[in-house]
């Protein structure tokens, strides 16, 4: 049996090579020792159509209600 067929049947990962911007790769290495895991997760999310836009950084902010003009407080 072909080694590639064995690895696919067991759900093992295959090694590929890609071209990536060196600055982007440096940012990934700053965040993790395993940039390939980050890339794999991003591809899975992209294929599923999921998009979490920067998680914590992109939440919508509900503004506080406006303060009523002077004399309209319900004291």
C-alpha atoms as a PDB file:
ATOM      1  CA  UNK A   1       0.000   0.000   0.000  1.00  0.00           C
ATOM      2  CA  UNK A   2       1.186   3.503  -0.816  1.00  0.00           C
ATOM      3  CA  UNK A   3       2.546   5.447   2.218  1.00  0.00           C
ATOM      4  CA  UNK A   4       0.390   8.454   1.280  1.00  0.00           C
ATOM      5  CA  UNK A   5      -2.780   6.321   1.235  1.00  0.00           C
ATOM      6  CA  UNK A   6      -1.902   4.925   4.676  1.00  0.00           C
ATOM      7  CA  UNK A   7      -1.417   8.394   6.158  1.00  0.00           C
ATOM      8  CA  UNK A   8      -4.729   9.633   4.709  1.00  0.00           C
ATOM      9  CA  UNK A   9      -6.658   6.613   5.970  1.00  0.00           C
ATOM     10  CA  UNK A  10      -5.374   7.143   9.516  1.00  0.00           C
ATOM     11  CA  UNK A  11      -6.195  10.866   9.460  1.00  0.00           C
ATOM     12  CA  UNK A  12      -2.545  11.763   9.820  1.00  0.00           C
ATOM     13  CA  UNK A  13      -1.207  15.062   8.611  1.00  0.00           C
ATOM     14  CA  UNK A  14       0.733  15.554   5.407  1.00  0.00           C
ATOM     15  CA  UNK A  15       3.687  17.841   5.092  1.00  0.00           C
ATOM     16  CA  UNK A  16       3.415  20.592   2.467  1.00  0.00           C
ATOM     17  CA  UNK A  17       5.445  23.655   1.694  1.00  0.00           C
ATOM     18  CA  UNK A  18       3.963  27.103   1.169  1.00  0.00           C
ATOM     19  CA  UNK A  19       5.212  30.584   0.401  1.00  0.00           C
ATOM     20  CA  UNK A  20       4.350  33.096   3.111  1.00  0.00           C
ATOM     21  CA  UNK A  21       5.344  36.684   3.760  1.00  0.00           C
ATOM     22  CA  UNK A  22       8.381  36.732   6.092  1.00  0.00           C
ATOM     23  CA  UNK A  23       6.870  39.482   8.262  1.00  0.00           C
ATOM     24  CA  UNK A  24       3.679  37.482   8.702  1.00  0.00           C
ATOM     25  CA  UNK A  25       5.641  34.363   9.590  1.00  0.00           C
ATOM     26  CA  UNK A  26       7.632  36.314  12.167  1.00  0.00           C
ATOM     27  CA  UNK A  27       4.395  37.516  13.766  1.00  0.00           C
ATOM     28  CA  UNK A  28       3.135  33.928  13.907  1.00  0.00           C
ATOM     29  CA  UNK A  29       6.388  32.745  15.478  1.00  0.00           C
ATOM     30  CA  UNK A  30       6.068  35.502  18.067  1.00  0.00           C
ATOM     31  CA  UNK A  31       2.683  34.063  19.076  1.00  0.00           C
ATOM     32  CA  UNK A  32       3.406  30.342  18.919  1.00  0.00           C
ATOM     33  CA  UNK A  33       6.143  27.785  18.448  1.00  0.00           C
ATOM     34  CA  UNK A  34       3.939  25.933  15.945  1.00  0.00           C
ATOM     35  CA  UNK A  35       2.818  28.314  13.166  1.00  0.00           C
ATOM     36  CA  UNK A  36       1.519  25.357  11.155  1.00  0.00           C
ATOM     37  CA  UNK A  37      -1.219  24.800  13.768  1.00  0.00           C
ATOM     38  CA  UNK A  38      -2.366  28.422  13.436  1.00  0.00           C
ATOM     39  CA  UNK A  39      -2.455  28.091   9.659  1.00  0.00           C
ATOM     40  CA  UNK A  40      -4.355  24.789   9.874  1.00  0.00           C
ATOM     41  CA  UNK A  41      -7.008  26.246  12.205  1.00  0.00           C
ATOM     42  CA  UNK A  42      -7.390  29.331   9.989  1.00  0.00           C
ATOM     43  CA  UNK A  43      -7.918  27.162   6.908  1.00  0.00           C
ATOM     44  CA  UNK A  44     -10.502  25.005   8.723  1.00  0.00           C
ATOM     45  CA  UNK A  45     -12.416  28.099   9.849  1.00  0.00           C
ATOM     46  CA  UNK A  46     -12.244  29.568   6.356  1.00  0.00           C
ATOM     47  CA  UNK A  47     -13.600  26.363   4.799  1.00  0.00           C
ATOM     48  CA  UNK A  48     -16.460  26.265   7.323  1.00  0.00           C
ATOM     49  CA  UNK A  49     -17.259  29.903   6.606  1.00  0.00           C
ATOM     50  CA  UNK A  50     -16.528  30.944  10.191  1.00  0.00           C
ATOM     51  CA  UNK A  51     -15.025  34.348  10.703  1.00  0.00           C
ATOM     52  CA  UNK A  52     -14.276  35.708  14.129  1.00  0.00           C
ATOM     53  CA  UNK A  53     -12.986  39.183  13.401  1.00  0.00           C
ATOM     54  CA  UNK A  54     -10.159  39.531  15.903  1.00  0.00           C
ATOM     55  CA  UNK A  55     -12.297  38.087  18.703  1.00  0.00           C
ATOM     56  CA  UNK A  56     -12.060  40.386  21.681  1.00  0.00           C
ATOM     57  CA  UNK A  57     -10.962  43.377  19.634  1.00  0.00           C
ATOM     58  CA  UNK A  58     -13.978  43.621  17.358  1.00  0.00           C
ATOM     59  CA  UNK A  59     -16.941  43.354  19.688  1.00  0.00           C
ATOM     60  CA  UNK A  60     -19.578  45.983  19.179  1.00  0.00           C
ATOM     61  CA  UNK A  61     -19.729  48.471  21.999  1.00  0.00           C
ATOM     62  CA  UNK A  62     -23.130  49.430  23.361  1.00  0.00           C
ATOM     63  CA  UNK A  63     -22.982  53.085  24.288  1.00  0.00           C
ATOM     64  CA  UNK A  64     -24.334  54.318  27.580  1.00  0.00           C
ATOM     65  CA  UNK A  65     -27.688  56.075  27.403  1.00  0.00           C
ATOM     66  CA  UNK A  66     -27.485  59.839  27.075  1.00  0.00           C
ATOM     67  CA  UNK A  67     -27.717  61.894  30.248  1.00  0.00           C
ATOM     68  CA  UNK A  68     -31.010  63.832  30.290  1.00  0.00           C
ATOM     69  CA  UNK A  69     -30.842  67.635  30.285  1.00  0.00           C
ATOM     70  CA  UNK A  70     -30.721  69.402  33.622  1.00  0.00           C
ATOM     71  CA  UNK A  71     -34.027  69.373  35.495  1.00  0.00           C
ATOM     72  CA  UNK A  72     -35.341  66.177  33.921  1.00  0.00           C
ATOM     73  CA  UNK A  73     -34.011  63.771  36.561  1.00  0.00           C
ATOM     74  CA  UNK A  74     -36.620  61.640  38.269  1.00  0.00           C
ATOM     75  CA  UNK A  75     -35.477  62.313  41.856  1.00  0.00           C
END
